[in-house]
C-alpha atoms as a PDB file:
ATOM      1  CA  MET A   1      -3.512 -31.132  11.746  1.00  0.00           C
ATOM      2  CA  PRO A   2      -5.661 -32.565   8.904  1.00  0.00           C
ATOM      3  CA  LEU A   3      -4.107 -34.901   6.360  1.00  0.00           C
ATOM      4  CA  MET A   4      -3.972 -33.877   2.720  1.00  0.00           C
ATOM      5  CA  PRO A   5      -6.771 -35.598   0.783  1.00  0.00           C
ATOM      6  CA  ALA A   6      -5.938 -38.724  -1.219  1.00  0.00           C
ATOM      7  CA  TYR A   7      -8.100 -37.484  -4.115  1.00  0.00           C
ATOM      8  CA  ARG A   8      -8.076 -34.350  -6.271  1.00  0.00           C
ATOM      9  CA  SER A   9     -11.610 -34.084  -7.664  1.00  0.00           C
ATOM     10  CA  ILE A  10     -15.013 -35.677  -8.067  1.00  0.00           C
ATOM     11  CA  ASP A  11     -14.612 -37.757 -11.219  1.00  0.00           C
ATOM     12  CA  HIS A  12     -18.319 -38.376 -11.816  1.00  0.00           C
ATOM     13  CA  ILE A  13     -21.685 -38.597 -10.074  1.00  0.00           C
ATOM     14  CA  MET A  14     -23.981 -41.596 -10.535  1.00  0.00           C
ATOM     15  CA  LEU A  15     -27.687 -41.029 -11.152  1.00  0.00           C
ATOM     16  CA  ARG A  16     -29.697 -44.262 -10.932  1.00  0.00           C
ATOM     17  CA  LEU A  17     -32.848 -44.078 -13.056  1.00  0.00           C
ATOM     18  CA  THR A  18     -35.671 -46.265 -14.313  1.00  0.00           C
ATOM     19  CA  ASN A  19     -35.190 -44.781 -17.781  1.00  0.00           C
ATOM     20  CA  ALA A  20     -31.962 -43.044 -18.792  1.00  0.00           C
ATOM     21  CA  GLU A  21     -33.118 -41.456 -22.051  1.00  0.00           C
ATOM     22  CA  PRO A  22     -35.285 -38.548 -20.767  1.00  0.00           C
ATOM     23  CA  LEU A  23     -32.675 -37.021 -18.440  1.00  0.00           C
ATOM     24  CA  PHE A  24     -29.803 -37.696 -20.829  1.00  0.00           C
ATOM     25  CA  ASP A  25     -31.748 -35.819 -23.508  1.00  0.00           C
ATOM     26  CA  LEU A  26     -32.632 -33.017 -21.076  1.00  0.00           C
ATOM     27  CA  PHE A  27     -29.065 -32.386 -19.971  1.00  0.00           C
ATOM     28  CA  SER A  28     -27.342 -32.970 -23.311  1.00  0.00           C
ATOM     29  CA  ARG A  29     -29.794 -31.523 -25.857  1.00  0.00           C
ATOM     30  CA  VAL A  30     -31.950 -29.062 -23.899  1.00  0.00           C
ATOM     31  CA  PHE A  31     -29.288 -27.821 -21.453  1.00  0.00           C
ATOM     32  CA  GLY A  32     -26.517 -28.132 -24.049  1.00  0.00           C
ATOM     33  CA  LEU A  33     -23.963 -29.894 -21.842  1.00  0.00           C
ATOM     34  CA  PRO A  34     -21.116 -31.672 -23.692  1.00  0.00           C
ATOM     35  CA  VAL A  35     -21.679 -35.402 -24.161  1.00  0.00           C
ATOM     36  CA  ALA A  36     -18.829 -37.243 -22.434  1.00  0.00           C
ATOM     37  CA  TRP A  37     -20.200 -40.687 -23.319  1.00  0.00           C
ATOM     38  CA  PRO A  38     -22.960 -41.178 -25.910  1.00  0.00           C
ATOM     39  CA  LEU A  39     -26.022 -43.054 -24.717  1.00  0.00           C
ATOM     40  CA  GLN A  40     -25.331 -46.801 -24.828  1.00  0.00           C
ATOM     41  CA  HIS A  41     -27.764 -49.710 -24.675  1.00  0.00           C
ATOM     42  CA  ALA A  42     -26.337 -52.901 -23.163  1.00  0.00           C
ATOM     43  CA  ALA A  43     -27.880 -56.022 -21.649  1.00  0.00           C
ATOM     44  CA  PHE A  44     -26.976 -54.893 -18.123  1.00  0.00           C
ATOM     45  CA  ALA A  45     -27.932 -51.192 -18.426  1.00  0.00           C
ATOM     46  CA  THR A  46     -28.663 -48.147 -20.567  1.00  0.00           C
ATOM     47  CA  TYR A  47     -26.239 -45.352 -19.751  1.00  0.00           C
ATOM     48  CA  GLY A  48     -24.626 -42.143 -20.917  1.00  0.00           C
ATOM     49  CA  TRP A  49     -22.526 -39.274 -19.506  1.00  0.00           C
ATOM     50  CA  VAL A  50     -22.527 -35.489 -19.839  1.00  0.00           C
ATOM     51  CA  HIS A  51     -19.935 -32.999 -18.634  1.00  0.00           C
ATOM     52  CA  ALA A  52     -21.127 -30.499 -16.013  1.00  0.00           C
ATOM     53  CA  GLY A  53     -18.120 -28.208 -15.620  1.00  0.00           C
ATOM     54  CA  SER A  54     -16.331 -29.619 -12.578  1.00  0.00           C
ATOM     55  CA  THR A  55     -17.493 -33.222 -12.894  1.00  0.00           C
ATOM     56  CA  ASP A  56     -19.401 -35.621 -15.152  1.00  0.00           C
ATOM     57  CA  LEU A  57     -22.957 -36.858 -14.632  1.00  0.00           C
ATOM     58  CA  GLU A  58     -23.610 -40.542 -15.326  1.00  0.00           C
ATOM     59  CA  PHE A  59     -27.204 -41.444 -16.218  1.00  0.00           C
ATOM     60  CA  TRP A  60     -27.623 -45.158 -15.461  1.00  0.00           C
ATOM     61  CA  ALA A  61     -30.743 -47.294 -15.870  1.00  0.00           C
ATOM     62  CA  ALA A  62     -29.832 -50.821 -14.781  1.00  0.00           C
ATOM     63  CA  ALA A  63     -31.576 -53.933 -16.024  1.00  0.00           C
ATOM     64  CA  SER A  64     -31.807 -54.932 -12.350  1.00  0.00           C
ATOM     65  CA  ASN A  65     -31.834 -52.806  -9.205  1.00  0.00           C
ATOM     66  CA  ALA A  66     -31.414 -55.778  -6.861  1.00  0.00           C
ATOM     67  CA  ASP A  67     -28.294 -54.142  -5.386  1.00  0.00           C
ATOM     68  CA  LEU A  68     -30.369 -51.280  -3.986  1.00  0.00           C
ATOM     69  CA  PRO A  69     -32.252 -51.470  -0.669  1.00  0.00           C
ATOM     70  CA  GLY A  70     -36.008 -51.008  -0.600  1.00  0.00           C
ATOM     71  CA  HIS A  71     -35.771 -47.498   0.817  1.00  0.00           C
ATOM     72  CA  ALA A  72     -33.528 -46.291  -2.023  1.00  0.00           C
ATOM     73  CA  ARG A  73     -35.137 -46.965  -5.375  1.00  0.00           C
ATOM     74  CA  PRO A  74     -34.590 -45.032  -8.625  1.00  0.00           C
ATOM     75  CA  PRO A  75     -34.601 -42.161  -9.315  1.00  0.00           C
ATOM     76  CA  LEU A  76     -31.647 -41.840  -6.980  1.00  0.00           C
ATOM     77  CA  ILE A  77     -28.407 -39.874  -6.720  1.00  0.00           C
ATOM     78  CA  HIS A  78     -26.540 -43.051  -5.900  1.00  0.00           C
ATOM     79  CA  GLY A  79     -23.032 -41.768  -5.199  1.00  0.00           C
ATOM     80  CA  PHE A  80     -19.882 -40.328  -6.686  1.00  0.00           C
ATOM     81  CA  ALA A  81     -16.354 -41.277  -7.689  1.00  0.00           C
ATOM     82  CA  LEU A  82     -13.186 -39.703  -6.330  1.00  0.00           C
ATOM     83  CA  GLU A  83     -10.246 -39.171  -8.679  1.00  0.00           C
ATOM     84  CA  PRO A  84      -7.107 -40.318  -6.798  1.00  0.00           C
ATOM     85  CA  ALA A  85      -4.397 -37.704  -6.318  1.00  0.00           C
ATOM     86  CA  LEU A  86      -1.850 -40.523  -6.079  1.00  0.00           C
ATOM     87  CA  PRO A  87      -1.604 -43.930  -7.767  1.00  0.00           C
ATOM     88  CA  LEU A  88      -4.574 -45.850  -6.393  1.00  0.00           C
ATOM     89  CA  PRO A  89      -2.582 -48.264  -4.145  1.00  0.00           C
ATOM     90  CA  GLN A  90      -0.917 -45.256  -2.484  1.00  0.00           C
ATOM     91  CA  ALA A  91      -4.236 -43.392  -2.227  1.00  0.00           C
ATOM     92  CA  LEU A  92      -5.754 -46.385  -0.430  1.00  0.00           C
ATOM     93  CA  GLU A  93      -2.749 -46.566   1.935  1.00  0.00           C
ATOM     94  CA  HIS A  94      -3.138 -42.844   2.610  1.00  0.00           C
ATOM     95  CA  THR A  95      -6.858 -43.300   3.328  1.00  0.00           C
ATOM     96  CA  ALA A  96      -6.193 -46.263   5.617  1.00  0.00           C
ATOM     97  CA  ALA A  97      -3.623 -44.177   7.514  1.00  0.00           C
ATOM     98  CA  ALA A  98      -6.419 -41.662   8.131  1.00  0.00           C
ATOM     99  CA  GLY A  99      -8.447 -44.459   9.749  1.00  0.00           C
ATOM    100  CA  ILE A 100     -10.879 -44.958   6.850  1.00  0.00           C
ATOM    101  CA  ALA A 101     -11.588 -48.458   5.527  1.00  0.00           C
ATOM    102  CA  SER A 102     -11.972 -49.256   1.807  1.00  0.00           C
ATOM    103  CA  LYS A 103     -12.688 -52.368  -0.229  1.00  0.00           C
ATOM    104  CA  PRO A 104      -9.860 -53.972  -2.209  1.00  0.00           C
ATOM    105  CA  ALA A 105      -9.415 -52.421  -5.642  1.00  0.00           C
ATOM    106  CA  ARG A 106     -11.284 -54.015  -8.556  1.00  0.00           C
ATOM    107  CA  THR A 107     -10.178 -53.619 -12.187  1.00  0.00           C
ATOM    108  CA  PHE A 108     -12.411 -53.471 -15.282  1.00  0.00           C
ATOM    109  CA  GLN A 109     -10.986 -54.532 -18.645  1.00  0.00           C
ATOM    110  CA  SER A 110     -11.947 -54.649 -22.316  1.00  0.00           C
ATOM    111  CA  PRO A 111     -10.208 -55.161 -25.691  1.00  0.00           C
ATOM    112  CA  ASN A 112      -8.715 -52.115 -27.424  1.00  0.00           C
ATOM    113  CA  THR A 113      -8.786 -51.530 -31.178  1.00  0.00           C
ATOM    114  CA  GLN A 114      -5.799 -53.875 -31.591  1.00  0.00           C
ATOM    115  CA  GLY A 115      -7.637 -56.662 -29.784  1.00  0.00           C
ATOM    116  CA  GLU A 116      -5.463 -56.426 -26.673  1.00  0.00           C
ATOM    117  CA  VAL A 117      -7.268 -56.728 -23.333  1.00  0.00           C
ATOM    118  CA  VAL A 118      -6.351 -53.666 -21.291  1.00  0.00           C
ATOM    119  CA  ILE A 119      -7.427 -52.198 -17.961  1.00  0.00           C
ATOM    120  CA  ASN A 120      -9.861 -49.322 -18.459  1.00  0.00           C
ATOM    121  CA  PHE A 121     -10.418 -48.275 -14.863  1.00  0.00           C
ATOM    122  CA  THR A 122      -9.987 -49.503 -11.303  1.00  0.00           C
ATOM    123  CA  ASN A 123     -12.514 -48.847  -8.520  1.00  0.00           C
ATOM    124  CA  ALA A 124     -12.302 -49.152  -4.746  1.00  0.00           C
ATOM    125  CA  VAL A 125     -15.349 -48.460  -2.552  1.00  0.00           C
ATOM    126  CA  VAL A 126     -14.703 -46.304   0.540  1.00  0.00           C
ATOM    127  CA  LEU A 127     -16.584 -48.445   3.075  1.00  0.00           C
ATOM    128  CA  ASP A 128     -16.711 -46.016   5.981  1.00  0.00           C
ATOM    129  CA  VAL A 129     -18.688 -43.416   3.984  1.00  0.00           C
ATOM    130  CA  SER A 130     -20.774 -45.827   1.902  1.00  0.00           C
ATOM    131  CA  GLU A 131     -23.910 -47.957   2.152  1.00  0.00           C
ATOM    132  CA  PRO A 132     -25.900 -49.799  -0.555  1.00  0.00           C
ATOM    133  CA  SER A 133     -27.979 -46.615  -0.834  1.00  0.00           C
ATOM    134  CA  CYS A 134     -24.924 -44.348  -1.221  1.00  0.00           C
ATOM    135  CA  CYS A 135     -21.710 -45.503  -2.886  1.00  0.00           C
ATOM    136  CA  ILE A 136     -18.521 -43.432  -2.608  1.00  0.00           C
ATOM    137  CA  PHE A 137     -15.496 -44.896  -4.376  1.00  0.00           C
ATOM    138  CA  PHE A 138     -12.115 -44.162  -5.884  1.00  0.00           C
ATOM    139  CA  CYS A 139     -12.009 -44.396  -9.676  1.00  0.00           C
ATOM    140  CA  GLU A 140      -8.619 -44.529 -11.374  1.00  0.00           C
ATOM    141  CA  TRP A 141      -8.684 -44.425 -15.173  1.00  0.00           C
ATOM    142  CA  ASN A 142      -5.987 -46.036 -17.261  1.00  0.00           C
ATOM    143  CA  PRO A 143      -4.327 -43.190 -19.191  1.00  0.00           C
ATOM    144  CA  ARG A 144      -5.081 -45.199 -22.358  1.00  0.00           C
ATOM    145  CA  ALA A 145      -8.524 -46.492 -21.441  1.00  0.00           C
ATOM    146  CA  ALA A 146      -9.966 -48.283 -24.465  1.00  0.00           C
ATOM    147  CA  ILE A 147     -13.667 -48.018 -23.675  1.00  0.00           C
ATOM    148  CA  TYR A 148     -15.869 -47.287 -26.665  1.00  0.00           C
ATOM    149  CA  PRO A 149     -16.521 -44.563 -27.826  1.00  0.00           C
ATOM    150  CA  TRP A 150     -13.435 -42.828 -26.458  1.00  0.00           C
ATOM    151  CA  ASP A 151     -10.497 -41.925 -28.658  1.00  0.00           C
ATOM    152  CA  GLU A 152      -7.587 -44.073 -27.525  1.00  0.00           C
ATOM    153  CA  ALA A 153      -5.141 -41.362 -28.606  1.00  0.00           C
ATOM    154  CA  ALA A 154      -6.394 -39.061 -25.800  1.00  0.00           C
ATOM    155  CA  THR A 155      -6.099 -39.621 -22.075  1.00  0.00           C
ATOM    156  CA  PRO A 156      -9.149 -39.250 -19.765  1.00  0.00           C
ATOM    157  CA  VAL A 157      -7.656 -35.991 -18.437  1.00  0.00           C
ATOM    158  CA  GLN A 158      -7.325 -34.630 -21.980  1.00  0.00           C
ATOM    159  CA  ARG A 159     -10.900 -35.652 -22.837  1.00  0.00           C
ATOM    160  CA  ARG A 160     -12.293 -33.916 -19.765  1.00  0.00           C
ATOM    161  CA  GLY A 161     -10.286 -30.793 -20.566  1.00  0.00           C
ATOM    162  CA  ARG A 162     -11.830 -30.687 -24.035  1.00  0.00           C
ATOM    163  CA  HIS A 163     -15.349 -31.010 -22.608  1.00  0.00           C
ATOM    164  CA  ARG A 164     -14.687 -28.288 -20.035  1.00  0.00           C
ATOM    165  CA  GLN A 165     -13.367 -25.980 -22.739  1.00  0.00           C
ATOM    166  CA  ALA A 166     -16.407 -26.681 -24.944  1.00  0.00           C
ATOM    167  CA  LEU A 167     -18.759 -25.818 -22.057  1.00  0.00           C
ATOM    168  CA  GLN A 168     -16.870 -22.603 -21.293  1.00  0.00           C
ATOM    169  CA  GLU A 169     -16.875 -21.573 -24.954  1.00  0.00           C
ATOM    170  CA  ALA A 170     -20.660 -22.089 -24.971  1.00  0.00           C
ATOM    171  CA  HIS A 171     -20.884 -19.908 -21.823  1.00  0.00           C
ATOM    172  CA  GLY A 172     -22.405 -22.826 -19.920  1.00  0.00           C
ATOM    173  CA  GLY A 173     -25.207 -23.421 -22.409  1.00  0.00           C
ATOM    174  CA  PRO A 174     -28.682 -21.900 -21.978  1.00  0.00           C
ATOM    175  CA  LEU A 175     -28.480 -22.345 -18.198  1.00  0.00           C
ATOM    176  CA  GLY A 176     -25.093 -20.640 -17.976  1.00  0.00           C
ATOM    177  CA  LEU A 177     -23.815 -23.637 -16.013  1.00  0.00           C
ATOM    178  CA  ILE A 178     -20.411 -23.307 -14.341  1.00  0.00           C
ATOM    179  CA  GLY A 179     -20.041 -26.432 -12.194  1.00  0.00           C
ATOM    180  CA  LEU A 180     -20.985 -28.382  -9.098  1.00  0.00           C
ATOM    181  CA  GLN A 181     -21.140 -26.267  -5.944  1.00  0.00           C
ATOM    182  CA  SER A 182     -22.452 -28.570  -3.200  1.00  0.00           C
ATOM    183  CA  ILE A 183     -23.733 -32.013  -2.298  1.00  0.00           C
ATOM    184  CA  ARG A 184     -26.284 -32.487   0.476  1.00  0.00           C
ATOM    185  CA  MET A 185     -26.091 -35.889   2.147  1.00  0.00           C
ATOM    186  CA  GLY A 186     -28.380 -37.302   4.815  1.00  0.00           C
ATOM    187  CA  THR A 187     -26.845 -39.613   7.422  1.00  0.00           C
ATOM    188  CA  PRO A 188     -28.097 -41.541  10.465  1.00  0.00           C
ATOM    189  CA  ASP A 189     -24.783 -40.863  12.255  1.00  0.00           C
ATOM    190  CA  LEU A 190     -23.869 -37.231  11.758  1.00  0.00           C
ATOM    191  CA  GLY A 191     -20.861 -37.244  14.084  1.00  0.00           C
ATOM    192  CA  MET A 192     -19.246 -40.332  12.589  1.00  0.00           C
ATOM    193  CA  HIS A 193     -19.685 -39.274   8.965  1.00  0.00           C
ATOM    194  CA  ARG A 194     -18.500 -35.739   9.674  1.00  0.00           C
ATOM    195  CA  LYS A 195     -15.330 -37.168  11.242  1.00  0.00           C
ATOM    196  CA  HIS A 196     -14.730 -39.532   8.306  1.00  0.00           C
ATOM    197  CA  TRP A 197     -15.308 -36.815   5.685  1.00  0.00           C
ATOM    198  CA  GLN A 198     -13.061 -34.361   7.493  1.00  0.00           C
ATOM    199  CA  ARG A 199     -10.273 -36.928   7.387  1.00  0.00           C
ATOM    200  CA  LEU A 200     -11.002 -38.016   3.830  1.00  0.00           C
ATOM    201  CA  SER A 201     -11.222 -34.478   2.440  1.00  0.00           C
ATOM    202  CA  GLY A 202      -8.580 -32.883   4.664  1.00  0.00           C
ATOM    203  CA  SER A 203     -11.093 -30.297   5.948  1.00  0.00           C
ATOM    204  CA  PRO A 204     -10.214 -28.839   9.361  1.00  0.00           C
ATOM    205  CA  SER A 205     -12.492 -29.675  12.281  1.00  0.00           C
ATOM    206  CA  GLY A 206     -15.155 -27.052  12.923  1.00  0.00           C
ATOM    207  CA  GLN A 207     -15.060 -25.718   9.358  1.00  0.00           C
ATOM    208  CA  PRO A 208     -17.220 -26.560   6.298  1.00  0.00           C
ATOM    209  CA  ILE A 209     -16.321 -29.830   4.592  1.00  0.00           C
ATOM    210  CA  MET A 210     -14.839 -29.078   1.170  1.00  0.00           C
ATOM    211  CA  LEU A 211     -14.917 -32.107  -1.114  1.00  0.00           C
ATOM    212  CA  ALA A 212     -12.813 -30.286  -3.703  1.00  0.00           C
ATOM    213  CA  PRO A 213     -12.049 -26.634  -4.514  1.00  0.00           C
ATOM    214  CA  GLY A 214     -15.405 -24.843  -4.715  1.00  0.00           C
ATOM    215  CA  ILE A 215     -17.449 -27.957  -3.848  1.00  0.00           C
ATOM    216  CA  SER A 216     -18.835 -28.377  -0.333  1.00  0.00           C
ATOM    217  CA  LEU A 217     -20.503 -31.295   1.438  1.00  0.00           C
ATOM    218  CA  GLU A 218     -23.496 -30.588   3.668  1.00  0.00           C
ATOM    219  CA  LEU A 219     -24.266 -33.402   6.111  1.00  0.00           C
ATOM    220  CA  VAL A 220     -27.744 -33.444   7.661  1.00  0.00           C
ATOM    221  CA  PRO A 221     -29.552 -35.908   9.966  1.00  0.00           C
ATOM    222  CA  ALA A 222     -31.557 -38.609   8.166  1.00  0.00           C
ATOM    223  CA  GLY A 223     -32.819 -42.127   8.744  1.00  0.00           C
ATOM    224  CA  GLN A 224     -30.622 -43.599   6.011  1.00  0.00           C
ATOM    225  CA  LEU A 225     -27.366 -42.655   4.299  1.00  0.00           C
ATOM    226  CA  ARG A 226     -28.414 -41.007   1.058  1.00  0.00           C
ATOM    227  CA  ILE A 227     -27.476 -38.096  -1.204  1.00  0.00           C
ATOM    228  CA  GLU A 228     -30.443 -35.757  -1.009  1.00  0.00           C
ATOM    229  CA  SER A 229     -29.516 -33.117  -3.571  1.00  0.00           C
ATOM    230  CA  LEU A 230     -26.917 -31.615  -5.898  1.00  0.00           C
ATOM    231  CA  THR A 231     -26.486 -27.880  -6.389  1.00  0.00           C
ATOM    232  CA  PHE A 232     -24.733 -26.340  -9.394  1.00  0.00           C
ATOM    233  CA  SER A 233     -23.616 -22.749  -9.886  1.00  0.00           C
ATOM    234  CA  VAL A 234     -24.673 -20.647 -12.875  1.00  0.00           C
ATOM    235  CA  HIS A 235     -23.561 -17.274 -14.203  1.00  0.00           C
ATOM    236  CA  SER A 236     -27.004 -15.681 -13.828  1.00  0.00           C
ATOM    237  CA  LEU A 237     -29.949 -17.017 -11.843  1.00  0.00           C
ATOM    238  CA  ALA A 238     -32.290 -14.678 -13.725  1.00  0.00           C
ATOM    239  CA  THR A 239     -31.211 -16.149 -17.078  1.00  0.00           C
ATOM    240  CA  ALA A 240     -31.553 -19.721 -15.822  1.00  0.00           C
ATOM    241  CA  ARG A 241     -34.946 -18.906 -14.273  1.00  0.00           C
ATOM    242  CA  MET A 242     -36.284 -17.501 -17.540  1.00  0.00           C
ATOM    243  CA  PHE A 243     -35.057 -20.495 -19.537  1.00  0.00           C
ATOM    244  CA  LEU A 244     -36.466 -23.118 -17.150  1.00  0.00           C
ATOM    245  CA  ALA A 245     -39.792 -21.342 -16.685  1.00  0.00           C
ATOM    246  CA  SER A 246     -40.311 -20.948 -20.435  1.00  0.00           C
ATOM    247  CA  ARG A 247     -40.020 -24.724 -20.825  1.00  0.00           C
ATOM    248  CA  GLN A 248     -42.017 -25.736 -17.734  1.00  0.00           C
ATOM    249  CA  LEU A 249     -38.822 -27.137 -16.183  1.00  0.00           C
ATOM    250  CA  LEU A 250     -38.842 -25.030 -13.017  1.00  0.00           C
ATOM    251  CA  GLN A 251     -40.028 -27.269 -10.202  1.00  0.00           C
ATOM    252  CA  ASP A 252     -39.440 -24.815  -7.364  1.00  0.00           C
ATOM    253  CA  ASP A 253     -38.055 -21.294  -6.953  1.00  0.00           C
ATOM    254  CA  THR A 254     -36.877 -20.196  -3.505  1.00  0.00           C
ATOM    255  CA  TRP A 255     -35.446 -16.878  -4.784  1.00  0.00           C
ATOM    256  CA  ASP A 256     -31.802 -17.845  -4.256  1.00  0.00           C
ATOM    257  CA  THR A 257     -32.127 -21.434  -5.538  1.00  0.00           C
ATOM    258  CA  LEU A 258     -33.883 -22.852  -8.594  1.00  0.00           C
ATOM    259  CA  TRP A 259     -34.898 -26.515  -8.499  1.00  0.00           C
ATOM    260  CA  ILE A 260     -35.068 -28.275 -11.846  1.00  0.00           C
ATOM    261  CA  ALA A 261     -37.982 -30.576 -12.705  1.00  0.00           C
ATOM    262  CA  CYS A 262     -35.997 -33.704 -13.557  1.00  0.00           C
ATOM    263  CA  GLU A 263     -37.654 -37.055 -12.925  1.00  0.00           C
ATOM    264  CA  GLY A 264     -37.869 -36.701  -9.136  1.00  0.00           C
ATOM    265  CA  LEU A 265     -34.174 -35.937  -8.532  1.00  0.00           C
ATOM    266  CA  ARG A 266     -33.363 -32.888  -6.415  1.00  0.00           C
ATOM    267  CA  ILE A 267     -30.991 -30.802  -8.558  1.00  0.00           C
ATOM    268  CA  GLY A 268     -30.677 -27.084  -7.840  1.00  0.00           C
ATOM    269  CA  LEU A 269     -29.035 -24.006  -9.334  1.00  0.00           C
ATOM    270  CA  VAL A 270     -27.530 -21.060  -7.453  1.00  0.00           C
ATOM    271  CA  GLU A 271     -25.819 -17.929  -8.743  1.00  0.00           C
ATOM    272  CA  SER A 272     -22.037 -17.988  -8.716  1.00  0.00           C
ATOM    273  CA  THR A 273     -20.254 -15.762  -6.251  1.00  0.00           C
ATOM    274  CA  GLY A 274     -17.467 -15.341  -8.782  1.00  0.00           C
ATOM    275  CA  ALA A 275     -14.979 -17.932  -7.463  1.00  0.00           C
ATOM    276  CA  GLN A 276     -15.987 -20.545 -10.065  1.00  0.00           C
ATOM    277  CA  ALA A 277     -16.787 -18.251 -12.977  1.00  0.00           C
END
């Protein structure tokens, strides 16, 4: 019998880029997705976040990509963060009990508005489903994370709820976006990664791997571990098609899937079956 997953959702997805501004502008201004983190310019990276219904997208252009192998250079869907369903130490114990190894947790701190140094978030990489080209990790936010530009009076859960409500009130923006539907991941060891993801997600053997409600994981053979594509659901494929085509943003149209022209990343749209709407 499968174990219950130690996480409840995909917190955010990391997009590694050579230049963060074009895609941040495309998704926030053109596609009208709520800005979860305004574009920031720091010595180590330029980065910003938008809310995409069921998760956030992080646009990250690092000052150095030395951590990435030669076969996985930007633009790259580098990985995603899992929101623990339990306090992180217990989530890691739960994952270890399922036979999946993780790195020790690492905290990230900064001063709040009162000058007190507080923990903002704690990460722990899930080693058995990660490589330098594909990073899967737990991300536990402090309920009072003090990271600029967030309002310290609201918790991360409350902030995400506000963004989700704003997207729903805007009917998903001009694309009619609902949320993430699937992630396609290439792996050199299909059997091993399928076994690990079944245990990690709690998906029964022989059935599709469900990362979270309404979000599936498709594992396919590949030479290296790498996320190949993301697919999001929309209210109407015809509406999304018309919008993308009118702006020369439709890279490919396979009738049931639209592929967005977005800096070499493979990001698709499919029509909702009604479960996510």
